[in-house]
């Protein structure tokens, strides 16, 4: 068993909570370079600010798609924003709705 962990980022956009998970690859000894993209129904932006909110996100998450990490554009800190055009594309391609 490894001490490494997955890298996860959440974002709230147009009433939808997104979760991007880059799982640890034991063979590579590094992140997998692929994001599993989930939505978390019923979780809103204020809920994410609560320390317990993260646990709830992982309990209700629903898988949407996979995409290369290189295709996801963040701000320079990788903590504040995700490029909205990508989120818009996911919303349209997978017919997602708030809630």
N, C-alpha and C. Protein backbone atom coordinates (compact mmCIF):
# COMPACT_ATOMS: atom_id res chain seq x y z
N UNK A 1 0.84 -1.18 0.00
CA UNK A 1 0.00 0.00 0.00
C UNK A 1 0.89 1.24 0.00
N UNK A 2 0.51 2.23 -0.75
CA UNK A 2 1.31 3.44 -0.92
C UNK A 2 0.83 4.53 0.02
N UNK A 3 1.75 5.44 0.36
CA UNK A 3 1.39 6.63 1.13
C UNK A 3 0.85 7.72 0.23
N UNK A 4 0.91 7.52 -1.06
CA UNK A 4 0.44 8.53 -2.01
C UNK A 4 -1.08 8.60 -1.99
N UNK A 5 -1.58 9.75 -2.41
CA UNK A 5 -3.04 9.90 -2.44
C UNK A 5 -3.47 10.53 -3.75
N UNK A 6 -4.76 10.45 -3.99
CA UNK A 6 -5.33 11.06 -5.18
C UNK A 6 -5.33 12.57 -5.04
N UNK A 7 -5.33 13.26 -6.18
CA UNK A 7 -5.44 14.71 -6.20
C UNK A 7 -6.86 15.05 -6.63
N UNK A 8 -7.55 15.84 -5.83
CA UNK A 8 -8.93 16.18 -6.13
C UNK A 8 -9.13 17.69 -6.10
N UNK A 9 -9.99 18.16 -6.98
CA UNK A 9 -10.34 19.57 -7.04
C UNK A 9 -11.85 19.67 -7.21
N UNK A 10 -12.48 20.55 -6.44
CA UNK A 10 -13.91 20.76 -6.60
C UNK A 10 -14.15 22.14 -7.20
N UNK A 11 -15.26 22.27 -7.87
CA UNK A 11 -15.67 23.55 -8.42
C UNK A 11 -17.18 23.63 -8.48
N UNK A 12 -17.71 24.82 -8.29
CA UNK A 12 -19.16 25.03 -8.35
C UNK A 12 -19.42 26.02 -9.48
N UNK A 13 -20.23 25.60 -10.45
CA UNK A 13 -20.44 26.42 -11.64
C UNK A 13 -21.85 26.18 -12.17
N UNK A 14 -22.58 27.28 -12.39
CA UNK A 14 -23.94 27.22 -12.93
C UNK A 14 -24.83 26.25 -12.15
N UNK A 15 -24.67 26.25 -10.83
CA UNK A 15 -25.52 25.42 -9.99
C UNK A 15 -25.12 23.96 -9.91
N UNK A 16 -23.95 23.62 -10.42
CA UNK A 16 -23.49 22.23 -10.43
C UNK A 16 -22.13 22.15 -9.73
N UNK A 17 -21.99 21.19 -8.82
CA UNK A 17 -20.71 20.95 -8.17
C UNK A 17 -19.96 19.88 -8.94
N UNK A 18 -18.75 20.22 -9.38
CA UNK A 18 -17.89 19.31 -10.12
C UNK A 18 -16.77 18.83 -9.22
N UNK A 19 -16.35 17.61 -9.42
CA UNK A 19 -15.22 17.04 -8.72
C UNK A 19 -14.29 16.42 -9.76
N UNK A 20 -13.05 16.88 -9.78
CA UNK A 20 -12.03 16.35 -10.69
C UNK A 20 -11.04 15.54 -9.84
N UNK A 21 -10.89 14.25 -10.13
CA UNK A 21 -10.02 13.37 -9.35
C UNK A 21 -8.94 12.80 -10.26
N UNK A 22 -7.70 13.04 -9.90
CA UNK A 22 -6.54 12.49 -10.60
C UNK A 22 -5.95 11.43 -9.69
N UNK A 23 -6.21 10.17 -10.00
CA UNK A 23 -5.80 9.08 -9.12
C UNK A 23 -4.31 8.78 -9.24
N UNK A 24 -3.75 8.30 -8.15
CA UNK A 24 -2.35 7.91 -8.10
C UNK A 24 -2.15 6.62 -8.89
N UNK A 25 -1.13 6.59 -9.74
CA UNK A 25 -0.81 5.42 -10.53
C UNK A 25 0.39 4.73 -9.91
N UNK A 26 0.17 3.56 -9.33
CA UNK A 26 1.25 2.83 -8.65
C UNK A 26 2.39 2.47 -9.60
N UNK A 27 2.07 2.13 -10.85
CA UNK A 27 3.09 1.74 -11.82
C UNK A 27 3.98 2.93 -12.17
N UNK A 28 3.35 4.08 -12.44
CA UNK A 28 4.11 5.28 -12.78
C UNK A 28 4.78 5.91 -11.56
N UNK A 29 4.22 5.66 -10.39
CA UNK A 29 4.71 6.33 -9.19
C UNK A 29 4.38 7.81 -9.24
N UNK A 30 3.28 8.15 -9.87
CA UNK A 30 2.88 9.55 -10.06
C UNK A 30 1.37 9.58 -10.30
N UNK A 31 0.84 10.80 -10.41
CA UNK A 31 -0.57 10.93 -10.76
C UNK A 31 -0.80 10.31 -12.13
N UNK A 32 -2.04 9.93 -12.41
CA UNK A 32 -2.36 9.19 -13.63
C UNK A 32 -2.41 10.05 -14.89
N UNK A 33 -2.46 11.36 -14.75
CA UNK A 33 -2.60 12.29 -15.87
C UNK A 33 -3.98 12.23 -16.52
N UNK A 34 -4.92 11.58 -15.84
CA UNK A 34 -6.31 11.52 -16.30
C UNK A 34 -7.20 11.96 -15.14
N UNK A 35 -8.12 12.87 -15.42
CA UNK A 35 -9.12 13.23 -14.42
C UNK A 35 -10.37 12.38 -14.62
N UNK A 36 -10.86 11.81 -13.54
CA UNK A 36 -12.22 11.29 -13.51
C UNK A 36 -13.07 12.47 -13.07
N UNK A 37 -14.09 12.80 -13.86
CA UNK A 37 -14.93 13.96 -13.58
C UNK A 37 -16.26 13.47 -13.04
N UNK A 38 -16.64 14.02 -11.90
CA UNK A 38 -17.89 13.67 -11.23
C UNK A 38 -18.72 14.93 -11.01
N UNK A 39 -20.01 14.76 -10.80
CA UNK A 39 -20.86 15.82 -10.28
C UNK A 39 -21.37 15.35 -8.92
N UNK A 40 -21.71 16.31 -8.07
CA UNK A 40 -22.20 16.00 -6.74
C UNK A 40 -23.58 16.63 -6.57
N UNK A 41 -24.63 15.90 -6.93
CA UNK A 41 -25.99 16.45 -6.83
C UNK A 41 -26.34 16.87 -5.41
N UNK A 42 -27.01 18.01 -5.30
CA UNK A 42 -27.48 18.48 -4.01
C UNK A 42 -26.44 19.20 -3.17
N UNK A 43 -25.23 19.34 -3.67
CA UNK A 43 -24.17 20.04 -2.94
C UNK A 43 -23.99 21.41 -3.57
N UNK A 44 -24.16 22.47 -2.78
CA UNK A 44 -23.99 23.81 -3.33
C UNK A 44 -22.71 24.46 -2.81
N UNK A 45 -22.44 25.66 -3.29
CA UNK A 45 -21.19 26.36 -2.99
C UNK A 45 -21.01 26.59 -1.49
N UNK A 46 -22.08 26.95 -0.78
CA UNK A 46 -21.94 27.20 0.66
C UNK A 46 -21.64 25.90 1.40
N UNK A 47 -22.17 24.80 0.94
CA UNK A 47 -21.91 23.51 1.57
C UNK A 47 -20.43 23.13 1.43
N UNK A 48 -19.82 23.49 0.31
CA UNK A 48 -18.41 23.16 0.07
C UNK A 48 -17.48 23.88 1.04
N UNK A 49 -17.92 25.01 1.58
CA UNK A 49 -17.09 25.78 2.53
C UNK A 49 -17.09 25.16 3.91
N UNK A 50 -18.02 24.25 4.17
CA UNK A 50 -18.11 23.57 5.45
C UNK A 50 -17.12 22.41 5.45
N UNK A 51 -16.34 22.24 6.54
CA UNK A 51 -15.37 21.13 6.58
C UNK A 51 -16.00 19.76 6.32
N UNK A 52 -17.25 19.58 6.71
CA UNK A 52 -17.92 18.30 6.46
C UNK A 52 -18.40 18.18 5.02
N UNK A 53 -18.43 19.29 4.29
CA UNK A 53 -18.92 19.28 2.92
C UNK A 53 -18.14 18.34 2.02
N UNK A 54 -16.84 18.28 2.20
CA UNK A 54 -16.01 17.41 1.35
C UNK A 54 -16.43 15.95 1.49
N UNK A 55 -16.68 15.51 2.71
CA UNK A 55 -17.10 14.13 2.94
C UNK A 55 -18.42 13.86 2.21
N UNK A 56 -19.33 14.81 2.28
CA UNK A 56 -20.63 14.64 1.62
C UNK A 56 -20.46 14.56 0.10
N UNK A 57 -19.57 15.37 -0.46
CA UNK A 57 -19.31 15.32 -1.91
C UNK A 57 -18.90 13.92 -2.32
N UNK A 58 -17.99 13.32 -1.58
CA UNK A 58 -17.51 11.99 -1.95
C UNK A 58 -18.58 10.92 -1.79
N UNK A 59 -19.56 11.17 -0.90
CA UNK A 59 -20.64 10.20 -0.70
C UNK A 59 -21.66 10.22 -1.84
N UNK A 60 -21.92 11.39 -2.42
CA UNK A 60 -22.99 11.52 -3.42
C UNK A 60 -22.48 11.66 -4.85
N UNK A 61 -21.17 11.67 -5.03
CA UNK A 61 -20.63 11.92 -6.37
C UNK A 61 -21.14 10.91 -7.40
N UNK A 62 -21.30 11.40 -8.62
CA UNK A 62 -21.77 10.58 -9.74
C UNK A 62 -20.80 10.78 -10.91
N UNK A 63 -20.24 9.69 -11.41
CA UNK A 63 -19.26 9.75 -12.50
C UNK A 63 -19.88 10.32 -13.77
N UNK A 64 -19.11 11.21 -14.45
CA UNK A 64 -19.57 11.81 -15.71
C UNK A 64 -18.67 11.40 -16.87
N UNK A 65 -17.35 11.62 -16.74
CA UNK A 65 -16.45 11.36 -17.86
C UNK A 65 -15.00 11.30 -17.36
N UNK A 66 -14.11 10.98 -18.27
CA UNK A 66 -12.66 11.03 -18.02
C UNK A 66 -12.05 11.98 -19.05
N UNK A 67 -11.01 12.69 -18.63
CA UNK A 67 -10.32 13.58 -19.57
C UNK A 67 -8.87 13.78 -19.14
N UNK A 68 -7.99 14.02 -20.12
CA UNK A 68 -6.59 14.26 -19.79
C UNK A 68 -6.43 15.49 -18.90
N UNK A 69 -5.56 15.38 -17.91
CA UNK A 69 -5.28 16.50 -17.02
C UNK A 69 -4.86 17.73 -17.82
N UNK A 70 -4.10 17.52 -18.89
CA UNK A 70 -3.61 18.65 -19.69
C UNK A 70 -4.73 19.45 -20.34
N UNK A 71 -5.93 18.88 -20.47
CA UNK A 71 -7.06 19.58 -21.08
C UNK A 71 -7.81 20.47 -20.10
N UNK A 72 -7.51 20.35 -18.81
CA UNK A 72 -8.20 21.14 -17.79
C UNK A 72 -7.33 22.32 -17.42
N UNK A 73 -7.84 23.53 -17.66
CA UNK A 73 -7.09 24.75 -17.40
C UNK A 73 -7.54 25.38 -16.09
N UNK A 74 -6.59 25.55 -15.18
CA UNK A 74 -6.83 26.17 -13.89
C UNK A 74 -6.16 27.54 -13.86
N UNK A 75 -6.49 28.32 -12.81
CA UNK A 75 -5.71 29.52 -12.55
C UNK A 75 -4.33 29.07 -12.08
N UNK A 76 -3.42 30.00 -11.89
CA UNK A 76 -2.04 29.65 -11.57
C UNK A 76 -1.89 28.92 -10.23
N UNK A 77 -2.81 29.11 -9.29
CA UNK A 77 -2.71 28.44 -8.00
C UNK A 77 -3.33 27.05 -8.01
N UNK A 78 -4.10 26.74 -9.05
CA UNK A 78 -4.85 25.48 -9.15
C UNK A 78 -5.84 25.32 -8.01
N UNK A 79 -6.25 26.46 -7.42
CA UNK A 79 -7.17 26.41 -6.28
C UNK A 79 -8.40 27.28 -6.46
N UNK A 80 -8.38 28.24 -7.35
CA UNK A 80 -9.46 29.22 -7.41
C UNK A 80 -10.46 28.99 -8.54
N UNK A 81 -9.97 28.76 -9.74
CA UNK A 81 -10.89 28.68 -10.88
C UNK A 81 -10.49 27.58 -11.86
N UNK A 82 -11.49 27.08 -12.57
CA UNK A 82 -11.32 26.17 -13.69
C UNK A 82 -11.90 26.90 -14.89
N UNK A 83 -11.26 26.78 -16.03
CA UNK A 83 -11.75 27.47 -17.23
C UNK A 83 -13.21 27.12 -17.50
N UNK A 84 -14.05 28.15 -17.59
CA UNK A 84 -15.49 27.93 -17.71
C UNK A 84 -15.90 27.28 -19.03
N UNK A 85 -15.15 27.50 -20.10
CA UNK A 85 -15.54 26.89 -21.37
C UNK A 85 -15.51 25.36 -21.29
N UNK A 86 -14.59 24.81 -20.52
CA UNK A 86 -14.53 23.37 -20.32
C UNK A 86 -15.77 22.89 -19.56
N UNK A 87 -16.13 23.61 -18.51
CA UNK A 87 -17.31 23.23 -17.73
C UNK A 87 -18.57 23.35 -18.57
N UNK A 88 -18.66 24.40 -19.40
CA UNK A 88 -19.81 24.55 -20.30
C UNK A 88 -19.90 23.36 -21.26
N UNK A 89 -18.77 22.94 -21.78
CA UNK A 89 -18.75 21.80 -22.70
C UNK A 89 -19.22 20.51 -22.02
N UNK A 90 -18.77 20.29 -20.77
CA UNK A 90 -19.20 19.10 -20.03
C UNK A 90 -20.71 19.16 -19.77
N UNK A 91 -21.21 20.33 -19.40
CA UNK A 91 -22.64 20.50 -19.13
C UNK A 91 -23.47 20.14 -20.38
N UNK A 92 -23.05 20.64 -21.54
CA UNK A 92 -23.79 20.38 -22.78
C UNK A 92 -23.62 18.93 -23.22
N UNK A 93 -22.37 18.45 -23.28
CA UNK A 93 -22.11 17.10 -23.76
C UNK A 93 -22.81 16.01 -22.95
N UNK A 94 -22.98 16.25 -21.65
CA UNK A 94 -23.56 15.21 -20.79
C UNK A 94 -24.93 15.61 -20.24
N UNK A 95 -25.51 16.67 -20.82
CA UNK A 95 -26.87 17.11 -20.49
C UNK A 95 -27.06 17.23 -18.98
N UNK A 96 -26.14 17.95 -18.32
CA UNK A 96 -26.21 18.12 -16.87
C UNK A 96 -27.13 19.27 -16.50
N UNK A 97 -27.75 19.14 -15.33
CA UNK A 97 -28.66 20.16 -14.82
C UNK A 97 -28.36 20.41 -13.35
N UNK A 98 -28.58 21.64 -12.87
CA UNK A 98 -28.34 21.93 -11.45
C UNK A 98 -29.17 21.00 -10.56
N UNK A 99 -28.63 20.77 -9.37
CA UNK A 99 -29.38 19.99 -8.37
C UNK A 99 -28.88 18.63 -8.30
